């Protein structure tokens, strides 16, 4: 292979400056020793190989500086090891542009061992989570963090909990919901379940709500669930039965949709079911609001 080094991308310069420049010895008349020649050749080869790895990262649109900062082992990892990671992920249908995005998000994967780190994750998804092979790609693209998780410490315990919680049968984990597998049971899933129970829901009711709207288990209690629940119960004077029927309420923006639409209805003394209030487009909501006002005028006439 011939590597052309006439021009280096400017983004590589901050990294390449760390390599020492060769010391000029043309003014010395003593012949270099064999050891010195060997050392100089080794330094040169090492620099060339490192530059080749940096160019490889750039071909994937991976930030070399970020990769070095978050994964120092990358410096000593051979290029063949990096290519083996690409080959592994490509064999499961991960396209190269997506591969670069994944490796840029999780630089630790650059030095992972496919046999001990990556293939076990795919084997788990395929044979334990029972996600069909064609859908493995969808699972990874939807939640690349799965690749950085330990099967024994994270994925398997969470799958076991989710199944006991109700994600079985026709509600079993799919490529659409496999992102739940990266959630820690004790620190992530249980606090959300317990918060919903604190509102007055029974455990099985929370289970049914989560199965209908799995996104509930990915939302922050402090930044999402709590403020929306408080607004619904206090300002909208809603009841829990309506939330049980429409748990998707929590997936809508409080400031951009829930609050303004509720205030428009309240301003005109109108009420509509929660699902109807939130699932229609802005144009449809406005048209429905006008229609309801006209009907009320006709009824009074």
Protein backbone atom coordinates (compact mmCIF):
# COMPACT_ATOMS: atom_id res chain seq x y z
CA UNK A 1 0.00 0.00 0.00
CA UNK A 2 1.31 3.48 -0.91
CA UNK A 3 0.28 6.16 1.55
CA UNK A 4 0.37 9.72 0.24
CA UNK A 5 1.27 12.21 2.93
CA UNK A 6 1.63 15.34 0.81
CA UNK A 7 -1.42 16.89 2.49
CA UNK A 8 -3.04 16.31 5.86
CA UNK A 9 -6.53 17.55 6.77
CA UNK A 10 -6.28 20.57 9.01
CA UNK A 11 -8.28 18.83 11.71
CA UNK A 12 -5.45 16.34 12.18
CA UNK A 13 -2.79 19.00 12.85
CA UNK A 14 -3.44 19.40 16.63
CA UNK A 15 -2.93 15.66 17.02
CA UNK A 16 0.03 15.31 14.69
CA UNK A 17 1.91 18.12 16.44
CA UNK A 18 2.45 15.77 19.38
CA UNK A 19 4.86 13.69 17.32
CA UNK A 20 8.53 14.78 17.61
CA UNK A 21 10.15 16.23 14.49
CA UNK A 22 13.25 14.37 13.25
CA UNK A 23 16.54 15.86 14.43
CA UNK A 24 18.89 16.86 11.62
CA UNK A 25 22.19 15.00 11.70
CA UNK A 26 23.58 15.88 8.27
CA UNK A 27 26.31 18.01 9.91
CA UNK A 28 27.67 14.97 11.74
CA UNK A 29 30.26 12.92 9.91
CA UNK A 30 30.13 9.77 12.03
CA UNK A 31 28.03 7.02 10.42
CA UNK A 32 24.80 6.19 12.32
CA UNK A 33 24.81 2.99 14.31
CA UNK A 34 22.55 0.11 13.35
CA UNK A 35 20.50 0.65 16.52
CA UNK A 36 19.98 4.32 15.72
CA UNK A 37 18.86 3.51 12.18
CA UNK A 38 16.45 0.89 13.48
CA UNK A 39 15.01 3.32 16.06
CA UNK A 40 14.50 6.04 13.47
CA UNK A 41 12.78 3.58 11.13
CA UNK A 42 10.53 2.36 13.94
CA UNK A 43 9.52 5.92 14.90
CA UNK A 44 8.76 6.72 11.28
CA UNK A 45 6.67 3.57 10.81
CA UNK A 46 4.78 4.24 14.04
CA UNK A 47 3.97 7.77 12.92
CA UNK A 48 2.77 6.58 9.52
CA UNK A 49 0.54 3.91 11.06
CA UNK A 50 -0.96 6.40 13.50
CA UNK A 51 -1.65 8.86 10.70
CA UNK A 52 -3.35 6.07 8.78
CA UNK A 53 -5.64 5.36 11.74
CA UNK A 54 -6.54 9.03 12.01
CA UNK A 55 -7.38 9.19 8.32
CA UNK A 56 -9.48 6.04 8.73
CA UNK A 57 -11.47 7.71 11.52
CA UNK A 58 -12.02 10.77 9.38
CA UNK A 59 -13.28 8.59 6.54
CA UNK A 60 -15.97 7.42 8.99
CA UNK A 61 -16.67 11.00 10.16
CA UNK A 62 -15.41 10.15 13.64
CA UNK A 63 -13.76 13.00 15.54
CA UNK A 64 -10.14 11.82 16.14
CA UNK A 65 -9.55 14.19 19.06
CA UNK A 66 -12.72 13.04 20.82
CA UNK A 67 -11.79 9.41 20.18
CA UNK A 68 -8.33 9.89 21.72
CA UNK A 69 -9.72 11.82 24.66
CA UNK A 70 -12.41 9.32 25.55
CA UNK A 71 -10.55 6.17 24.54
CA UNK A 72 -6.76 6.48 25.05
CA UNK A 73 -6.35 2.81 24.09
CA UNK A 74 -7.09 3.82 20.52
CA UNK A 75 -3.52 5.19 20.21
CA UNK A 76 -1.95 1.74 20.52
CA UNK A 77 -4.69 -0.26 18.81
CA UNK A 78 -3.73 -1.61 15.35
CA UNK A 79 -5.71 -0.51 12.32
CA UNK A 80 -6.69 -4.13 11.68
CA UNK A 81 -8.51 -4.13 15.03
CA UNK A 82 -10.53 -1.06 14.04
CA UNK A 83 -11.45 -2.64 10.73
CA UNK A 84 -12.60 -5.80 12.50
CA UNK A 85 -15.14 -3.70 14.44
CA UNK A 86 -16.41 -2.25 11.18
CA UNK A 87 -16.65 -5.71 9.59
CA UNK A 88 -18.57 -7.06 12.57
CA UNK A 89 -21.18 -4.29 12.56
CA UNK A 90 -21.45 -4.31 8.77
CA UNK A 91 -22.24 -8.04 8.87
CA UNK A 92 -25.39 -7.19 10.84
CA UNK A 93 -26.49 -4.58 8.32
CA UNK A 94 -25.14 -1.41 9.94
CA UNK A 95 -24.43 0.98 7.02
CA UNK A 96 -21.09 2.81 7.01
CA UNK A 97 -22.54 6.32 7.60
CA UNK A 98 -24.41 5.00 10.65
CA UNK A 99 -21.30 3.14 11.80
CA UNK A 100 -19.38 6.41 11.93
CA UNK A 101 -22.16 8.05 13.95
CA UNK A 102 -22.19 5.14 16.41
CA UNK A 103 -18.41 5.12 16.86
CA UNK A 104 -18.35 8.88 17.31
CA UNK A 105 -21.02 8.60 20.03
CA UNK A 106 -19.26 5.70 21.77
CA UNK A 107 -15.50 5.82 21.01
CA UNK A 108 -14.90 2.96 23.44
CA UNK A 109 -16.27 0.66 20.75
CA UNK A 110 -13.27 1.47 18.54
CA UNK A 111 -11.06 -0.85 20.58
CA UNK A 112 -13.69 -3.44 21.46
CA UNK A 113 -13.09 -7.10 20.68
CA UNK A 114 -15.86 -8.31 18.36
CA UNK A 115 -15.67 -11.85 19.72
CA UNK A 116 -15.96 -10.94 23.40
CA UNK A 117 -17.78 -7.59 23.27
CA UNK A 118 -19.97 -7.24 20.17
CA UNK A 119 -21.04 -10.69 18.99
CA UNK A 120 -22.37 -11.59 22.48
CA UNK A 121 -24.69 -8.54 22.33
CA UNK A 122 -26.09 -9.60 18.96
CA UNK A 123 -26.40 -13.19 20.17
CA UNK A 124 -28.38 -11.96 23.20
CA UNK A 125 -30.72 -9.84 21.07
CA UNK A 126 -31.27 -12.68 18.65
CA UNK A 127 -31.61 -15.70 20.93
CA UNK A 128 -32.72 -14.29 24.30
CA UNK A 129 -34.67 -11.15 23.42
CA UNK A 130 -35.90 -12.99 20.30
CA UNK A 131 -35.52 -10.04 17.97
CA UNK A 132 -35.53 -11.31 14.36
CA UNK A 133 -32.22 -11.04 12.54
CA UNK A 134 -33.48 -8.46 9.99
CA UNK A 135 -34.56 -6.24 12.90
CA UNK A 136 -31.23 -6.29 14.74
CA UNK A 137 -30.06 -3.36 12.63
CA UNK A 138 -33.15 -1.37 13.66
CA UNK A 139 -32.48 -2.05 17.35
CA UNK A 140 -28.90 -0.80 17.10
CA UNK A 141 -29.70 2.25 15.00
CA UNK A 142 -32.51 3.19 17.38
CA UNK A 143 -30.30 2.79 20.45
CA UNK A 144 -26.55 2.40 19.73
CA UNK A 145 -25.86 2.34 23.48
CA UNK A 146 -26.90 -1.32 23.45
CA UNK A 147 -23.53 -2.16 21.89
CA UNK A 148 -21.71 -0.61 24.85
CA UNK A 149 -23.72 -2.56 27.45
CA UNK A 150 -22.69 -5.72 29.24
CA UNK A 151 -24.98 -8.64 28.57
CA UNK A 152 -24.57 -10.10 32.06
CA UNK A 153 -24.57 -6.87 34.07
CA UNK A 154 -27.15 -4.85 32.14
CA UNK A 155 -29.09 -6.35 29.24
CA UNK A 156 -30.11 -9.72 30.68
CA UNK A 157 -31.28 -8.44 34.12
CA UNK A 158 -33.31 -5.67 32.49
CA UNK A 159 -34.93 -8.06 30.01
CA UNK A 160 -35.91 -10.33 32.89
CA UNK A 161 -37.49 -7.42 34.77
CA UNK A 162 -39.36 -6.10 31.73
CA UNK A 163 -40.83 -9.54 31.09
CA UNK A 164 -42.02 -9.78 34.68
CA UNK A 165 -43.49 -6.29 34.28
CA UNK A 166 -45.63 -7.37 31.35
CA UNK A 167 -43.53 -7.16 28.19
CA UNK A 168 -44.35 -10.70 27.07
CA UNK A 169 -46.39 -12.38 24.36
CA UNK A 170 -47.66 -9.87 21.83
CA UNK A 171 -46.18 -7.13 24.02
CA UNK A 172 -42.69 -8.68 24.01
CA UNK A 173 -39.62 -6.51 23.44
CA UNK A 174 -39.14 -5.65 19.75
CA UNK A 175 -36.74 -3.48 17.77
CA UNK A 176 -39.09 -0.60 18.64
CA UNK A 177 -38.79 -1.10 22.40
CA UNK A 178 -35.33 -2.68 22.73
CA UNK A 179 -33.98 0.72 23.85
CA UNK A 180 -35.55 -0.08 27.24
CA UNK A 181 -32.87 -2.73 27.70
CA UNK A 182 -30.20 -0.10 28.41
CA UNK A 183 -32.16 1.23 31.42
CA UNK A 184 -30.94 0.21 34.85
CA UNK A 185 -33.75 -1.47 36.77
CA UNK A 186 -33.02 -0.05 40.21
CA UNK A 187 -31.94 3.48 39.28
CA UNK A 188 -33.98 4.16 36.14
CA UNK A 189 -37.06 1.98 35.72
CA UNK A 190 -38.25 1.52 39.30
CA UNK A 191 -38.21 5.26 40.20
CA UNK A 192 -40.55 5.98 37.26
CA UNK A 193 -42.87 3.15 38.16
CA UNK A 194 -42.92 4.25 41.80
CA UNK A 195 -43.66 7.86 40.82
CA UNK A 196 -46.68 6.80 38.77
CA UNK A 197 -47.84 4.66 41.69
CA UNK A 198 -47.51 7.70 43.96
CA UNK A 199 -50.14 9.44 41.80
CA UNK A 200 -52.63 6.74 42.77
CA UNK A 201 -52.12 4.09 40.09
CA UNK A 202 -51.85 0.42 41.03
CA UNK A 203 -48.73 -1.48 39.93
CA UNK A 204 -50.64 -3.44 37.28
CA UNK A 205 -52.22 -0.22 36.03
CA UNK A 206 -48.75 1.28 35.58
CA UNK A 207 -47.75 -1.88 33.75
CA UNK A 208 -50.65 -1.57 31.33
CA UNK A 209 -49.90 2.11 30.80
CA UNK A 210 -46.23 1.38 30.05
CA UNK A 211 -47.11 -1.40 27.63
CA UNK A 212 -49.45 0.94 25.75
CA UNK A 213 -46.88 3.77 25.85
CA UNK A 214 -43.36 2.33 26.43
CA UNK A 215 -41.89 5.81 26.23
CA UNK A 216 -43.14 6.35 29.78
CA UNK A 217 -40.20 4.30 31.02
CA UNK A 218 -37.68 6.49 29.18
CA UNK A 219 -38.89 9.83 30.55
CA UNK A 220 -37.30 11.82 33.34
CA UNK A 221 -39.40 12.03 36.50
CA UNK A 222 -38.21 15.53 37.37
CA UNK A 223 -38.20 17.05 33.89
CA UNK A 224 -41.14 15.27 32.31
CA UNK A 225 -43.47 13.08 34.34
CA UNK A 226 -43.82 15.23 37.46
CA UNK A 227 -44.52 18.64 35.84
CA UNK A 228 -47.00 17.13 33.37
CA UNK A 229 -48.78 15.15 36.08
CA UNK A 230 -49.01 18.24 38.30
CA UNK A 231 -50.41 20.35 35.48
CA UNK A 232 -52.96 17.68 34.57
CA UNK A 233 -54.20 17.16 38.11
CA UNK A 234 -54.01 20.77 39.35
CA UNK A 235 -54.62 23.08 36.38
CA UNK A 236 -56.65 20.79 34.13
CA UNK A 237 -58.44 19.21 37.12
CA UNK A 238 -58.17 15.88 35.33
CA UNK A 239 -58.74 12.43 36.77
CA UNK A 240 -56.52 9.38 36.79
CA UNK A 241 -58.99 7.35 34.75
CA UNK A 242 -58.32 9.59 31.75
CA UNK A 243 -54.55 9.13 32.09
CA UNK A 244 -55.07 5.37 32.24
CA UNK A 245 -56.99 5.56 28.97
CA UNK A 246 -54.45 7.86 27.37
CA UNK A 247 -50.95 7.45 28.93
CA UNK A 248 -49.50 8.96 25.74
CA UNK A 249 -50.36 12.30 27.35
CA UNK A 250 -46.88 12.30 28.89
CA UNK A 251 -45.20 12.15 25.48
CA UNK A 252 -46.55 15.57 24.42
CA UNK A 253 -44.75 18.83 25.15
CA UNK A 254 -46.19 20.67 28.13
CA UNK A 255 -45.23 24.13 26.91
CA UNK A 256 -45.78 23.70 23.17
CA UNK A 257 -48.98 21.68 23.12
CA UNK A 258 -50.61 20.66 26.42
CA UNK A 259 -50.73 24.04 28.17
CA UNK A 260 -51.64 26.26 25.17
CA UNK A 261 -54.40 23.96 23.93
CA UNK A 262 -55.88 23.53 27.39
CA UNK A 263 -55.84 27.29 27.94
CA UNK A 264 -57.62 27.90 24.63
CA UNK A 265 -60.34 25.45 25.59
CA UNK A 266 -60.65 26.89 29.09
CA UNK A 267 -60.84 30.44 27.72
CA UNK A 268 -63.95 29.51 25.78
CA UNK A 269 -65.38 27.22 28.44
CA UNK A 270 -64.99 24.12 26.29
CA UNK A 271 -63.90 20.56 27.08
CA UNK A 272 -62.86 17.64 24.87
CA UNK A 273 -61.32 14.26 25.70
CA UNK A 274 -57.58 14.32 26.34
CA UNK A 275 -56.71 12.23 23.28
CA UNK A 276 -58.73 14.48 20.98
CA UNK A 277 -57.11 17.56 22.45
CA UNK A 278 -53.57 16.39 21.78
CA UNK A 279 -53.44 14.01 18.82
CA UNK A 280 -54.81 16.30 16.11
CA UNK A 281 -52.72 18.86 14.19
CA UNK A 282 -52.79 22.55 15.05
CA UNK A 283 -55.05 23.23 12.07
CA UNK A 284 -57.49 20.49 13.01
CA UNK A 285 -57.53 21.63 16.64
CA UNK A 286 -58.32 25.22 15.62
CA UNK A 287 -61.05 24.06 13.23
CA UNK A 288 -62.58 21.85 15.92
CA UNK A 289 -62.46 24.70 18.40
CA UNK A 290 -64.31 27.03 15.98
CA UNK A 291 -66.86 24.32 15.23
CA UNK A 292 -67.54 23.77 18.93
CA UNK A 293 -68.01 27.50 19.51
CA UNK A 294 -70.44 27.79 16.57
CA UNK A 295 -72.46 24.83 17.81
CA UNK A 296 -72.76 26.43 21.21
CA UNK A 297 -73.96 29.67 19.64
CA UNK A 298 -76.54 27.75 17.56
CA UNK A 299 -77.70 25.88 20.64
CA UNK A 300 -78.27 29.13 22.50
CA UNK A 301 -80.13 30.59 19.53
